[in-house]
Amino acid sequence: MRIISHKRNHYITFAFVATWALLSACGDDKTPTSFGSTDDPAFQEAQGAVNNFLDSVFVAVSSGLDSYNQVPFSVEEIDIKFGPINPGAGDYVNYQYTTDGWHTIAVAVNNTTVIWTVNDSIQFRAGGAYQESSTAADQMDYRHRWEVIAKDQAADYTNVDGTLRVTIDGLNTTLLEMNGTYAFHRFDHSVTDANQTDNDFAVDATFLGITVEKTFGAWGPGCPSGGTTNFTMAQSKSVTPTGGSATVTDISWTGTVRWKDGMATVFISDGTTTWNYSYQVCGAPAS
């Protein structure tokens, strides 16, 4: 998945499209250099899930920086931003500024294929004190919770969700830094004449000094320029033959991601074998 630039006033629409695109992003167009065999089916499944997670990191962080540029919103403004996705479908939109300094945004989109929800909370601070405006803020706390649920679960489908909790420092400079956690979950269900397969991936990640550079004098898309992401991924795969009993395989993965100008260098291990590959998540910042 290679995304380089977007017009800010269309970003939230992009965020939905990009999030939905994550459901099928398996990274099979990347050629990893590995210690284990890249033909190992277990690794290929894990690689697809990890790349899906990395794509979602970019989308989630970009959503936060877009909100930094836009809040405070009105409900009407949010409705206009999300309207092109599913106009006139009875979507839910809510915005408020709380007494303890949080901008909260809640959106639900219900279209013919998925139900998509986002709940964001943003607090700006300057010198340790919270404030309503982003003007002169040097720090931002960002909480981003999202979910995409397939409406038709009679055949093949994928559900994904994530919870990001980061503190972003350096908003008054040209290089911000974020630290925090991200829980990402993906569930794939597929059916053939021979089998029903359920593949569940649960990622718990820690952001350590993830940096994003200011471009064209503003905080734009959140393409990581540096830093590290450590993660664990619990995979549980259930295969049920038609008329038979399920076979369940559980794998515990551990990994490290080193970021440089939108490129993720990934080290992942199942406890006995390690793989190493690179994945271009987003474009490098403009010079």
Protein backbone atom coordinates (compact mmCIF):
# COMPACT_ATOMS: atom_id res chain seq x y z
CA MET A 1 0.00 0.00 0.00
CA ARG A 2 1.70 3.22 -1.15
CA ILE A 3 0.01 6.49 -0.25
CA ILE A 4 1.98 9.68 -0.66
CA SER A 5 -0.19 12.78 -0.42
CA HIS A 6 -3.79 13.87 0.02
CA LYS A 7 -5.78 17.06 0.08
CA ARG A 8 -6.50 17.84 3.71
CA ASN A 9 -10.12 18.83 3.20
CA HIS A 10 -10.89 15.38 1.85
CA TYR A 11 -8.85 13.45 4.39
CA ILE A 12 -11.61 11.93 6.50
CA THR A 13 -13.18 10.46 3.38
CA PHE A 14 -9.73 9.12 2.51
CA ALA A 15 -9.41 7.66 6.01
CA PHE A 16 -12.55 5.58 5.50
CA VAL A 17 -11.48 4.41 2.05
CA ALA A 18 -7.99 3.62 3.30
CA THR A 19 -9.33 1.77 6.34
CA TRP A 20 -11.63 -0.29 4.14
CA ALA A 21 -8.73 -0.96 1.78
CA LEU A 22 -6.85 -2.47 4.72
CA LEU A 23 -9.25 -5.39 4.68
CA SER A 24 -7.61 -6.74 1.52
CA ALA A 25 -4.07 -5.38 1.93
CA CYS A 26 -1.85 -8.41 2.38
CA GLY A 27 1.42 -7.00 1.12
CA ASP A 28 2.00 -9.83 -1.32
CA ASP A 29 3.58 -7.35 -3.75
CA LYS A 30 6.54 -6.96 -1.42
CA THR A 31 9.58 -9.25 -1.68
CA PRO A 32 11.01 -9.79 1.80
CA THR A 33 14.59 -10.78 2.62
CA SER A 34 14.21 -13.37 5.38
CA PHE A 35 16.05 -15.82 7.57
CA GLY A 36 13.14 -18.26 7.34
CA SER A 37 11.58 -19.38 4.06
CA THR A 38 9.28 -16.81 2.49
CA ASP A 39 7.30 -19.73 1.06
CA ASP A 40 6.26 -20.79 4.56
CA PRO A 41 2.45 -20.46 4.58
CA ALA A 42 2.41 -19.58 8.28
CA PHE A 43 4.84 -16.70 7.71
CA GLN A 44 2.86 -15.46 4.71
CA GLU A 45 -0.32 -15.29 6.78
CA ALA A 46 1.50 -13.45 9.56
CA GLN A 47 3.16 -11.08 7.09
CA GLY A 48 -0.20 -10.13 5.61
CA ALA A 49 -1.64 -9.39 9.04
CA VAL A 50 1.43 -7.37 10.10
CA ASN A 51 1.38 -5.31 6.90
CA ASN A 52 -2.32 -4.69 7.44
CA PHE A 53 -1.50 -3.47 10.95
CA LEU A 54 1.28 -1.19 9.66
CA ASP A 55 -1.03 0.35 7.06
CA SER A 56 -3.57 1.04 9.79
CA VAL A 57 -0.89 2.82 11.87
CA PHE A 58 -0.45 5.33 9.04
CA VAL A 59 -4.20 5.85 8.68
CA ALA A 60 -4.77 6.24 12.43
CA VAL A 61 -1.92 8.71 12.97
CA SER A 62 -2.91 10.69 9.89
CA SER A 63 -6.46 10.94 11.20
CA GLY A 64 -5.14 12.44 14.44
CA LEU A 65 -3.01 15.02 12.66
CA ASP A 66 -5.91 15.94 10.40
CA SER A 67 -8.03 16.57 13.49
CA TYR A 68 -5.22 18.71 14.91
CA ASN A 69 -5.58 20.94 11.86
CA GLN A 70 -9.39 21.06 12.00
CA VAL A 71 -10.78 21.12 15.55
CA PRO A 72 -12.91 22.57 16.94
CA PHE A 73 -15.49 21.06 14.60
CA SER A 74 -19.20 21.56 14.39
CA VAL A 75 -21.51 18.61 13.84
CA GLU A 76 -22.40 20.09 10.45
CA GLU A 77 -18.72 20.22 9.41
CA ILE A 78 -18.18 16.59 10.39
CA ASP A 79 -21.35 15.60 8.55
CA ILE A 80 -20.07 17.32 5.39
CA LYS A 81 -16.72 15.53 5.67
CA PHE A 82 -18.29 12.10 6.05
CA GLY A 83 -21.29 12.72 3.79
CA PRO A 84 -19.62 11.63 0.52
CA ILE A 85 -19.07 8.16 1.99
CA ASN A 86 -22.70 7.31 2.50
CA PRO A 87 -25.05 10.28 1.96
CA GLY A 88 -28.57 10.07 3.34
CA ALA A 89 -28.09 6.72 5.08
CA GLY A 90 -28.91 7.81 8.62
CA ASP A 91 -25.29 7.95 9.80
CA TYR A 92 -24.56 9.10 13.35
CA VAL A 93 -22.29 12.11 13.94
CA ASN A 94 -21.53 13.78 17.27
CA TYR A 95 -18.96 16.35 18.39
CA GLN A 96 -18.42 18.04 21.73
CA TYR A 97 -15.76 19.77 23.82
CA THR A 98 -15.73 18.52 27.40
CA THR A 99 -15.09 20.48 30.59
CA ASP A 100 -11.85 18.58 31.17
CA GLY A 101 -10.36 19.68 27.85
CA TRP A 102 -11.17 16.87 25.39
CA HIS A 103 -12.50 17.26 21.87
CA THR A 104 -14.61 14.15 21.21
CA ILE A 105 -15.80 12.98 17.80
CA ALA A 106 -18.09 10.01 17.21
CA VAL A 107 -19.11 8.79 13.77
CA ALA A 108 -21.03 5.75 12.56
CA VAL A 109 -21.36 4.87 8.88
CA ASN A 110 -23.81 2.18 7.81
CA ASN A 111 -23.62 1.26 4.14
CA THR A 112 -24.55 -1.80 2.12
CA THR A 113 -21.43 -3.79 3.05
CA VAL A 114 -20.06 -2.62 6.43
CA ILE A 115 -20.81 -0.80 9.63
CA TRP A 116 -17.92 1.52 10.40
CA THR A 117 -17.49 3.45 13.67
CA VAL A 118 -14.90 5.93 14.90
CA ASN A 119 -14.55 7.45 18.36
CA ASP A 120 -11.79 10.03 18.77
CA SER A 121 -10.68 12.07 21.78
CA ILE A 122 -8.08 14.83 21.47
CA GLN A 123 -6.61 17.08 24.14
CA PHE A 124 -4.17 19.92 23.44
CA ARG A 125 -1.66 21.10 26.02
CA ALA A 126 0.84 23.94 26.29
CA GLY A 127 3.37 23.90 29.11
CA GLY A 128 1.47 21.03 30.74
CA ALA A 129 -1.89 22.85 30.89
CA TYR A 130 -4.74 21.78 28.60
CA GLN A 131 -6.38 24.24 26.25
CA GLU A 132 -9.19 24.17 23.70
CA SER A 133 -7.23 25.47 20.71
CA SER A 134 -4.33 23.81 18.94
CA THR A 135 -2.70 27.25 18.56
CA ALA A 136 0.68 27.31 20.37
CA ALA A 137 0.10 23.81 21.74
CA ASP A 138 3.26 21.77 22.24
CA GLN A 139 1.63 18.45 23.14
CA MET A 140 -1.46 16.47 22.18
CA ASP A 141 -3.03 13.36 23.69
CA TYR A 142 -4.85 11.32 21.06
CA ARG A 143 -7.24 8.41 21.57
CA HIS A 144 -8.52 6.74 18.40
CA ARG A 145 -10.95 3.81 18.45
CA TRP A 146 -12.32 2.39 15.20
CA GLU A 147 -14.12 -0.71 13.94
CA VAL A 148 -15.22 -2.08 10.56
CA ILE A 149 -17.75 -4.91 10.75
CA ALA A 150 -18.99 -6.79 7.68
CA LYS A 151 -22.76 -6.91 7.44
CA ASP A 152 -22.90 -10.11 5.39
CA GLN A 153 -21.30 -12.87 7.44
CA ALA A 154 -22.83 -15.78 5.57
CA ALA A 155 -19.82 -16.17 3.26
CA ASP A 156 -16.27 -14.75 3.26
CA TYR A 157 -15.79 -11.64 5.36
CA THR A 158 -13.23 -9.69 7.40
CA ASN A 159 -13.73 -7.64 10.57
CA VAL A 160 -11.07 -5.24 11.85
CA ASP A 161 -10.75 -2.86 14.78
CA GLY A 162 -8.11 -0.86 16.60
CA THR A 163 -7.46 1.28 19.67
CA LEU A 164 -4.64 3.83 19.56
CA ARG A 165 -3.48 5.74 22.65
CA VAL A 166 -0.54 8.08 22.07
CA THR A 167 0.98 11.26 23.44
CA ILE A 168 2.40 13.51 20.74
CA ASP A 169 5.17 15.97 21.65
CA GLY A 170 6.86 18.69 19.61
CA LEU A 171 3.82 20.22 17.94
CA ASN A 172 5.55 23.61 18.14
CA THR A 173 8.60 22.28 16.23
CA THR A 174 9.12 20.72 12.81
CA LEU A 175 9.49 17.14 14.08
CA LEU A 176 6.89 15.63 16.37
CA GLU A 177 7.40 12.49 18.43
CA MET A 178 4.76 10.08 19.62
CA ASN A 179 4.82 7.38 22.27
CA GLY A 180 2.05 5.06 23.37
CA THR A 181 0.21 1.86 22.54
CA TYR A 182 -1.91 0.42 19.75
CA ALA A 183 -4.13 -2.66 19.91
CA PHE A 184 -5.13 -3.97 16.48
CA HIS A 185 -7.42 -6.91 15.73
CA ARG A 186 -8.27 -8.63 12.47
CA PHE A 187 -10.62 -11.59 11.97
CA ASP A 188 -10.83 -13.39 8.60
CA HIS A 189 -13.56 -15.89 7.79
CA SER A 190 -13.49 -17.90 4.55
CA VAL A 191 -15.53 -20.78 3.21
CA THR A 192 -14.77 -23.29 0.45
CA ASP A 193 -16.41 -26.54 -0.58
CA ALA A 194 -13.88 -28.38 1.57
CA ASN A 195 -13.30 -26.15 4.63
CA GLN A 196 -14.39 -23.27 6.77
CA THR A 197 -11.40 -21.26 8.02
CA ASP A 198 -11.36 -18.66 10.79
CA ASN A 199 -8.09 -16.77 11.24
CA ASP A 200 -7.83 -14.42 14.20
CA PHE A 201 -4.93 -11.96 14.70
CA ALA A 202 -4.57 -9.82 17.82
CA VAL A 203 -1.70 -7.31 17.84
CA ASP A 204 -0.50 -5.41 20.90
CA ALA A 205 2.08 -2.78 19.99
CA THR A 206 4.17 -0.11 21.71
CA PHE A 207 5.30 3.07 19.93
CA LEU A 208 8.78 4.22 20.95
CA GLY A 209 9.81 7.62 19.64
CA ILE A 210 7.83 7.48 16.39
CA THR A 211 8.59 10.71 14.52
CA VAL A 212 6.68 12.59 11.83
CA GLU A 213 8.10 15.56 9.95
CA LYS A 214 6.17 18.76 9.26
CA THR A 215 5.68 19.27 5.53
CA PHE A 216 4.86 22.52 3.74
CA GLY A 217 4.64 24.26 7.11
CA ALA A 218 1.82 22.07 8.44
CA TRP A 219 1.21 18.70 10.07
CA GLY A 220 -0.07 16.58 7.22
CA PRO A 221 -0.42 12.81 6.74
CA GLY A 222 1.24 10.86 9.56
CA CYS A 223 3.98 9.07 7.65
CA PRO A 224 6.54 7.84 10.22
CA SER A 225 10.04 9.15 9.50
CA GLY A 226 11.75 7.33 12.37
CA GLY A 227 11.31 5.42 15.60
CA THR A 228 10.48 1.87 16.63
CA THR A 229 7.34 -0.22 17.10
CA ASN A 230 7.55 -3.38 19.19
CA PHE A 231 4.65 -5.82 19.01
CA THR A 232 3.29 -9.21 19.90
CA MET A 233 0.70 -10.95 17.74
CA ALA A 234 -1.47 -13.83 18.90
CA GLN A 235 -2.78 -15.87 15.98
CA SER A 236 -5.48 -18.50 16.33
CA LYS A 237 -6.44 -20.39 13.19
CA SER A 238 -9.38 -22.80 13.09
CA VAL A 239 -9.96 -25.05 10.06
CA THR A 240 -13.17 -27.07 9.96
CA PRO A 241 -13.59 -29.63 7.14
CA THR A 242 -17.10 -29.98 5.79
CA GLY A 243 -18.82 -32.47 8.05
CA GLY A 244 -15.76 -32.74 10.30
CA SER A 245 -14.26 -31.32 13.48
CA ALA A 246 -12.19 -28.16 13.78
CA THR A 247 -8.40 -28.18 14.00
CA VAL A 248 -7.04 -25.17 15.88
CA THR A 249 -3.49 -23.85 15.52
CA ASP A 250 -2.21 -21.15 17.88
CA ILE A 251 0.99 -19.21 17.16
CA SER A 252 2.58 -16.49 19.29
CA TRP A 253 4.52 -14.01 17.19
CA THR A 254 6.89 -11.29 18.38
CA GLY A 255 8.23 -8.48 16.24
CA THR A 256 10.06 -5.20 15.93
CA VAL A 257 9.52 -2.50 13.31
CA ARG A 258 12.12 0.15 12.55
CA TRP A 259 10.74 3.16 10.68
CA LYS A 260 12.62 5.35 8.22
CA ASP A 261 10.86 7.76 5.85
CA GLY A 262 7.75 5.63 5.56
CA MET A 263 9.65 2.37 5.16
CA ALA A 264 9.04 -0.29 7.81
CA THR A 265 11.87 -2.77 8.36
CA VAL A 266 10.21 -5.72 10.07
CA PHE A 267 11.74 -8.49 12.19
CA ILE A 268 9.21 -11.16 13.15
CA SER A 269 9.65 -14.48 14.95
CA ASP A 270 7.47 -17.43 15.90
CA GLY A 271 9.88 -18.36 18.68
CA THR A 272 12.08 -20.67 16.61
CA THR A 273 12.47 -18.93 13.24
CA THR A 274 12.98 -15.26 12.40
CA TRP A 275 12.06 -13.41 9.22
CA ASN A 276 13.20 -9.97 8.11
CA TYR A 277 11.62 -7.89 5.34
CA SER A 278 10.91 -4.28 4.34
CA TYR A 279 7.50 -2.80 3.60
CA GLN A 280 6.89 0.70 2.16
CA VAL A 281 3.88 1.95 4.11
CA CYS A 282 3.80 5.55 2.90
CA GLY A 283 5.84 8.11 1.02
CA ALA A 284 8.89 9.84 2.43
CA PRO A 285 8.33 13.45 3.56
CA ALA A 286 8.92 16.16 0.97
CA SER A 287 12.23 17.94 1.38
